[in-house]
Amino acid sequence: MNYIGSKQSLTPFIIQSLQNSFGSLKKMRFCDLFAGTGAVSCAVGFTCKELVANDVEYFSALWLHQRLCGIENYKDWFEKIDGSKFGFVSEHFSTLGAMKRCYFSAQNALKIDGIRSNIEKLKPKISPKLYKALLVSLIDGADRVANVASVYGSYLKNFKFTATQKLRLKECPSCQFTHTKVFNKEGLKLLKEIEGDILYLDPPYNHRQYGLNYHVLNAIARGYVNAPKGKSGLDGYYRSRWCQRQHVKKELVDTVKMANFRYVALSYNSEGLLSPKDIQKLLEPFGHYDRLQTTHPRLRTQKKSPKKEVLEYLHLLELT
């Protein structure tokens, strides 16, 4: 999946830094509070004692469940859920609807609606793991044929080549960890319920809300859309305080205060709302602070965009 902020390429740097600073992860209880699509969780899960992965966006939580502790070998179910039907995707996110929103071709929109409807009909008859796995395969397939540059804040005026291809389902692999729990909660609420050794934070860095950027995938995951508005068809998406300049400092402090953990590690880059000095000033009162950094390519939504590197910081805190 094309997911902004993914730490896939940075995972070796993050894991090595955690081990050098906090010691071996083998006996550690690790929480990835903003896990996204699970790059860091997946890497840590092979070594840590216990793993908690969480994301407030529903489509991400489904993805995390399948990637970390889901099932394998379920492609035989694809024929049983195949179908075509006019539904909420066709109405709100394709040229078939009144607003002519070009997120998906007419053919793919009908197919998404048909498959989504059939998965829901099967829900009472199948296991929760299979239900989630089928939804993840649909989300993945829809994302591969979506007519967007990178995220779903808007669609392209003309259909790009990949968006004209027929939607196909494929199995999404799973690590099948048995020591893992996946949650779909707001970070501060979850911290009231859990404890551990390392709390890893990879929150949004800037004003771009993930609920806005992935509202279409959330709608597919839920099976409905709430009162879409405007040209982009936005619904009542979750608005994170990490994306709001007036709230982000308090959100970081509240998170550390709430953390019942020995260590906190915060990923943040040089284009974020908070500067490295801001973060250091906020974290130092809580314990021993350190900061590491590496370079990382900046996200390019289009191939013609200029290449640029940003500094990726890992802020490390041993709570006292």
Protein backbone atom coordinates (compact mmCIF):
# COMPACT_ATOMS: atom_id res chain seq x y z
CA MET A 1 0.00 0.00 0.00
CA ASN A 2 1.14 3.52 -0.80
CA TYR A 3 1.17 4.91 2.74
CA ILE A 4 2.59 8.30 3.66
CA GLY A 5 4.95 8.31 6.61
CA SER A 6 5.75 4.61 6.33
CA LYS A 7 8.93 3.67 8.22
CA GLN A 8 9.67 0.65 6.01
CA SER A 9 13.02 1.96 4.77
CA LEU A 10 13.89 3.47 8.17
CA THR A 11 13.15 0.34 10.20
CA PRO A 12 16.80 -0.88 10.35
CA PHE A 13 17.90 2.51 11.69
CA ILE A 14 15.08 2.55 14.27
CA ILE A 15 15.60 -1.02 15.50
CA GLN A 16 19.37 -0.66 15.77
CA SER A 17 19.01 2.66 17.61
CA LEU A 18 16.54 1.16 20.10
CA GLN A 19 18.83 -1.78 20.79
CA ASN A 20 21.91 0.42 21.20
CA SER A 21 20.10 2.77 23.56
CA PHE A 22 17.75 0.50 25.52
CA GLY A 23 19.36 -2.94 25.19
CA SER A 24 18.08 -6.20 23.72
CA LEU A 25 14.40 -6.26 22.75
CA LYS A 26 13.97 -9.96 23.53
CA LYS A 27 12.46 -9.36 26.97
CA MET A 28 10.78 -6.08 26.10
CA ARG A 29 7.07 -5.30 25.96
CA PHE A 30 6.78 -2.97 22.99
CA CYS A 31 3.91 -0.66 22.01
CA ASP A 32 3.65 0.96 18.56
CA LEU A 33 1.01 3.60 19.31
CA PHE A 34 0.71 5.03 15.77
CA ALA A 35 1.46 1.85 13.87
CA GLY A 36 0.06 2.77 10.42
CA THR A 37 0.64 -0.24 8.19
CA GLY A 38 2.95 -1.92 10.69
CA ALA A 39 6.49 -1.64 9.30
CA VAL A 40 8.09 -1.10 12.72
CA SER A 41 5.70 -3.45 14.52
CA CYS A 42 6.45 -6.24 12.09
CA ALA A 43 10.22 -5.87 12.52
CA VAL A 44 10.07 -5.61 16.32
CA GLY A 45 7.59 -8.47 16.58
CA PHE A 46 10.23 -11.03 15.60
CA THR A 47 12.35 -10.16 18.63
CA CYS A 48 10.26 -8.61 21.42
CA LYS A 49 8.47 -10.44 24.25
CA GLU A 50 5.07 -8.77 23.78
CA LEU A 51 3.76 -6.44 21.09
CA VAL A 52 0.90 -3.95 21.06
CA ALA A 53 0.08 -2.23 17.76
CA ASN A 54 -2.52 0.50 17.50
CA ASP A 55 -3.92 2.98 15.02
CA VAL A 56 -6.92 5.27 15.30
CA GLU A 57 -7.81 4.86 11.60
CA TYR A 58 -10.02 1.81 11.08
CA PHE A 59 -8.52 0.69 7.77
CA SER A 60 -5.04 0.76 9.36
CA ALA A 61 -6.18 -1.31 12.34
CA LEU A 62 -7.55 -3.94 9.95
CA TRP A 63 -4.31 -3.90 7.99
CA LEU A 64 -2.27 -4.26 11.20
CA HIS A 65 -4.33 -7.21 12.37
CA GLN A 66 -3.80 -9.12 9.13
CA ARG A 67 -0.12 -8.25 8.80
CA LEU A 68 0.80 -9.06 12.39
CA CYS A 69 -1.54 -11.80 13.59
CA GLY A 70 -3.90 -12.66 10.76
CA ILE A 71 -4.21 -15.74 8.56
CA GLU A 72 -2.67 -17.14 5.39
CA ASN A 73 -3.93 -19.23 2.47
CA TYR A 74 -7.37 -17.70 2.08
CA LYS A 75 -7.41 -16.97 -1.65
CA ASP A 76 -9.98 -19.73 -2.27
CA TRP A 77 -12.54 -17.34 -0.76
CA PHE A 78 -12.02 -14.74 -3.48
CA GLU A 79 -14.39 -16.49 -5.90
CA LYS A 80 -17.07 -16.62 -3.20
CA ILE A 81 -16.97 -12.85 -2.59
CA ASP A 82 -16.62 -11.74 -6.20
CA GLY A 83 -19.47 -9.61 -7.49
CA SER A 84 -20.63 -6.32 -8.97
CA LYS A 85 -23.18 -4.00 -7.42
CA PHE A 86 -24.12 -0.33 -7.28
CA GLY A 87 -23.40 0.89 -3.75
CA PHE A 88 -21.82 3.68 -1.73
CA VAL A 89 -18.48 3.61 -3.60
CA SER A 90 -20.23 3.75 -6.98
CA GLU A 91 -22.49 6.55 -5.75
CA HIS A 92 -19.93 8.72 -3.96
CA PHE A 93 -16.49 7.88 -5.36
CA SER A 94 -16.94 7.17 -9.06
CA THR A 95 -18.29 8.70 -12.26
CA LEU A 96 -21.53 6.77 -11.75
CA GLY A 97 -22.60 9.11 -8.95
CA ALA A 98 -24.17 12.53 -9.24
CA MET A 99 -20.94 14.29 -8.19
CA LYS A 100 -18.81 12.37 -10.73
CA ARG A 101 -15.92 11.92 -8.29
CA CYS A 102 -13.22 10.06 -10.21
CA TYR A 103 -11.57 8.06 -7.42
CA PHE A 104 -12.39 4.80 -9.21
CA SER A 105 -13.48 3.76 -12.67
CA ALA A 106 -17.12 2.73 -12.98
CA GLN A 107 -16.14 -0.92 -13.41
CA ASN A 108 -13.91 -0.97 -10.32
CA ALA A 109 -16.39 0.97 -8.18
CA LEU A 110 -19.12 -1.57 -8.93
CA LYS A 111 -16.73 -4.40 -8.16
CA ILE A 112 -15.65 -2.84 -4.84
CA ASP A 113 -19.29 -2.45 -3.82
CA GLY A 114 -20.14 -6.00 -4.86
CA ILE A 115 -17.22 -7.54 -3.00
CA ARG A 116 -17.78 -5.38 0.09
CA SER A 117 -21.43 -6.41 0.23
CA ASN A 118 -20.59 -10.09 -0.13
CA ILE A 119 -17.96 -9.96 2.62
CA GLU A 120 -20.52 -8.47 4.98
CA LYS A 121 -23.02 -11.20 4.13
CA LEU A 122 -20.42 -13.81 4.98
CA LYS A 123 -19.45 -12.21 8.29
CA PRO A 124 -21.78 -14.30 10.52
CA LYS A 125 -20.52 -17.51 8.89
CA ILE A 126 -16.74 -16.99 9.00
CA SER A 127 -14.10 -16.32 11.64
CA PRO A 128 -13.20 -12.73 12.63
CA LYS A 129 -9.69 -13.30 11.28
CA LEU A 130 -10.97 -14.35 7.86
CA TYR A 131 -13.42 -11.44 7.79
CA LYS A 132 -10.60 -8.97 8.45
CA ALA A 133 -8.28 -10.66 5.96
CA LEU A 134 -10.88 -10.40 3.19
CA LEU A 135 -11.46 -6.72 3.97
CA VAL A 136 -7.72 -6.05 3.87
CA SER A 137 -7.42 -7.74 0.48
CA LEU A 138 -10.26 -5.53 -0.80
CA ILE A 139 -8.67 -2.37 0.64
CA ASP A 140 -5.33 -3.32 -0.91
CA GLY A 141 -6.92 -4.06 -4.28
CA ALA A 142 -8.90 -0.82 -4.26
CA ASP A 143 -5.81 1.19 -3.37
CA ARG A 144 -3.89 -0.25 -6.31
CA VAL A 145 -6.53 0.95 -8.80
CA ALA A 146 -7.39 4.26 -7.13
CA ASN A 147 -7.18 7.33 -9.34
CA VAL A 148 -5.14 9.46 -6.94
CA ALA A 149 -1.62 10.88 -6.98
CA SER A 150 -0.76 9.45 -3.58
CA VAL A 151 -3.50 10.07 -1.00
CA TYR A 152 -7.26 10.58 -1.10
CA GLY A 153 -7.56 14.28 -0.35
CA SER A 154 -8.50 14.63 -4.01
CA TYR A 155 -8.69 12.57 -7.20
CA LEU A 156 -7.03 13.06 -10.59
CA LYS A 157 -9.00 14.77 -13.34
CA ASN A 158 -8.07 12.13 -15.90
CA PHE A 159 -7.74 8.42 -15.20
CA LYS A 160 -4.13 7.26 -14.91
CA PHE A 161 -3.13 3.90 -16.37
CA THR A 162 -3.24 1.90 -13.13
CA ALA A 163 -6.73 3.23 -12.39
CA THR A 164 -8.00 1.80 -15.68
CA GLN A 165 -6.88 -1.73 -14.78
CA LYS A 166 -9.32 -4.27 -13.42
CA LEU A 167 -9.37 -4.64 -9.62
CA ARG A 168 -7.87 -7.93 -8.53
CA LEU A 169 -7.67 -9.42 -5.07
CA LYS A 170 -4.55 -10.96 -3.63
CA GLU A 171 -3.63 -12.47 -0.30
CA CYS A 172 -1.97 -10.09 2.14
CA PRO A 173 0.71 -11.99 4.08
CA SER A 174 0.76 -12.32 7.85
CA CYS A 175 3.56 -12.74 10.40
CA GLN A 176 1.07 -14.67 12.55
CA PHE A 177 2.54 -13.46 15.82
CA THR A 178 0.92 -15.05 18.87
CA HIS A 179 2.25 -12.45 21.32
CA THR A 180 0.51 -9.48 19.67
CA LYS A 181 -2.59 -7.40 20.36
CA VAL A 182 -3.98 -4.90 17.85
CA PHE A 183 -6.15 -1.95 18.85
CA ASN A 184 -8.16 0.72 17.04
CA LYS A 185 -8.18 3.51 19.62
CA GLU A 186 -7.10 7.07 20.22
CA GLY A 187 -3.58 7.01 21.66
CA LEU A 188 -4.23 8.65 25.02
CA LYS A 189 -7.23 6.41 25.67
CA LEU A 190 -5.23 3.27 24.98
CA LEU A 191 -2.37 4.39 27.25
CA LYS A 192 -4.79 4.30 30.18
CA GLU A 193 -5.17 0.55 29.62
CA ILE A 194 -1.66 -0.70 28.90
CA GLU A 195 1.88 -0.75 30.26
CA GLY A 196 5.22 -2.00 29.01
CA ASP A 197 8.89 -1.30 28.41
CA ILE A 198 9.18 0.70 25.18
CA LEU A 199 6.55 3.11 23.89
CA TYR A 200 7.28 3.95 20.26
CA LEU A 201 5.60 7.06 18.86
CA ASP A 202 5.35 7.84 15.15
CA PRO A 203 2.61 10.48 15.11
CA PRO A 204 1.66 12.75 12.21
CA TYR A 205 4.32 15.43 11.78
CA ASN A 206 2.36 18.18 10.09
CA HIS A 207 -1.13 19.58 9.49
CA ARG A 208 -2.12 16.84 7.00
CA GLN A 209 -4.75 14.72 8.69
CA TYR A 210 -4.63 10.97 8.01
CA GLY A 211 -8.40 10.77 8.29
CA LEU A 212 -8.63 13.18 5.37
CA ASN A 213 -5.87 11.52 3.37
CA TYR A 214 -7.46 8.07 3.62
CA HIS A 215 -11.17 8.77 4.04
CA VAL A 216 -12.07 6.62 1.02
CA LEU A 217 -10.25 3.56 2.37
CA ASN A 218 -11.88 4.07 5.76
CA ALA A 219 -15.28 4.17 4.06
CA ILE A 220 -14.57 0.88 2.27
CA ALA A 221 -13.35 -0.66 5.52
CA ARG A 222 -16.49 0.42 7.40
CA GLY A 223 -18.83 -0.45 4.57
CA TYR A 224 -20.44 2.96 4.37
CA VAL A 225 -19.71 6.67 4.06
CA ASN A 226 -21.02 9.40 6.36
CA ALA A 227 -22.65 12.33 4.56
CA PRO A 228 -19.90 13.08 2.02
CA LYS A 229 -19.36 16.76 1.32
CA GLY A 230 -17.91 18.81 -1.49
CA LYS A 231 -15.85 17.92 -4.50
CA SER A 232 -13.67 15.42 -2.63
CA GLY A 233 -16.51 13.66 -0.82
CA LEU A 234 -15.05 14.10 2.66
CA ASP A 235 -16.98 12.76 5.62
CA GLY A 236 -16.63 13.36 9.34
CA TYR A 237 -13.05 12.13 9.62
CA TYR A 238 -11.01 11.96 12.83
CA ARG A 239 -8.92 15.08 13.47
CA SER A 240 -5.71 14.43 15.37
CA ARG A 241 -4.35 17.05 17.77
CA TRP A 242 -0.87 16.07 16.57
CA CYS A 243 -1.77 17.86 13.32
CA GLN A 244 -2.75 21.11 15.01
CA ARG A 245 -0.03 23.60 15.88
CA GLN A 246 -1.96 24.96 18.85
CA HIS A 247 -2.35 21.50 20.42
CA VAL A 248 0.67 19.41 19.42
CA LYS A 249 2.97 20.37 22.32
CA LYS A 250 0.34 19.55 24.91
CA GLU A 251 -0.46 16.29 23.14
CA LEU A 252 3.18 15.18 23.32
CA VAL A 253 3.48 16.10 27.01
CA ASP A 254 0.17 14.42 27.86
CA THR A 255 1.26 11.27 26.05
CA VAL A 256 4.53 11.03 27.98
CA LYS A 257 2.74 11.75 31.26
CA MET A 258 0.25 8.98 30.54
CA ALA A 259 2.89 6.45 29.51
CA ASN A 260 3.37 3.62 31.99
CA PHE A 261 6.60 2.57 30.26
CA ARG A 262 10.34 2.59 30.98
CA TYR A 263 11.34 4.16 27.68
CA VAL A 264 9.81 6.41 25.03
CA ALA A 265 11.05 6.68 21.43
CA LEU A 266 9.62 9.37 19.16
CA SER A 267 10.11 9.45 15.38
CA TYR A 268 9.79 12.96 13.93
CA ASN A 269 11.30 14.70 10.93
CA SER A 270 12.72 18.11 10.10
CA GLU A 271 9.53 19.29 8.36
CA GLY A 272 7.28 18.75 11.37
CA LEU A 273 5.31 21.23 13.43
CA LEU A 274 7.78 20.76 16.29
CA SER A 275 11.49 21.51 15.97
CA PRO A 276 14.13 19.23 17.53
CA LYS A 277 14.74 21.91 20.18
CA ASP A 278 11.01 22.08 20.92
CA ILE A 279 10.88 18.33 21.49
CA GLN A 280 14.04 18.26 23.57
CA LYS A 281 12.70 21.03 25.81
CA LEU A 282 9.42 19.15 26.27
CA LEU A 283 10.98 15.75 26.98
CA GLU A 284 14.02 16.55 29.13
CA PRO A 285 12.01 17.18 32.33
CA PHE A 286 10.79 13.56 32.23
CA GLY A 287 14.17 11.80 32.30
CA HIS A 288 17.37 11.09 30.39
CA TYR A 289 17.09 12.41 26.83
CA ASP A 290 19.05 11.66 23.66
CA ARG A 291 18.52 12.28 19.95
CA LEU A 292 19.72 10.43 16.87
CA GLN A 293 19.20 11.34 13.22
CA THR A 294 19.48 10.07 9.67
CA THR A 295 18.55 11.34 6.22
CA HIS A 296 15.45 10.12 4.43
CA PRO A 297 13.94 10.87 0.97
CA ARG A 298 11.02 13.28 1.10
CA LEU A 299 7.64 11.98 -0.10
CA ARG A 300 7.02 12.79 -3.77
CA THR A 301 3.40 12.60 -4.87
CA GLN A 302 4.42 12.85 -8.52
CA LYS A 303 7.51 11.63 -10.40
CA LYS A 304 8.17 15.13 -11.73
CA SER A 305 8.45 16.55 -8.21
CA PRO A 306 12.03 17.44 -7.26
CA LYS A 307 13.94 14.95 -5.15
CA LYS A 308 14.63 16.14 -1.63
CA GLU A 309 15.92 14.67 1.58
CA VAL A 310 14.72 15.43 5.08
CA LEU A 311 16.28 14.70 8.44
CA GLU A 312 14.55 11.93 10.35
CA TYR A 313 15.02 12.23 14.10
CA LEU A 314 14.63 9.56 16.74
CA HIS A 315 14.11 11.17 20.13
CA LEU A 316 14.95 8.75 22.96
CA LEU A 317 13.79 9.14 26.53
CA GLU A 318 14.46 7.00 29.61
CA LEU A 319 11.74 7.92 32.06
CA THR A 320 12.76 8.62 35.65
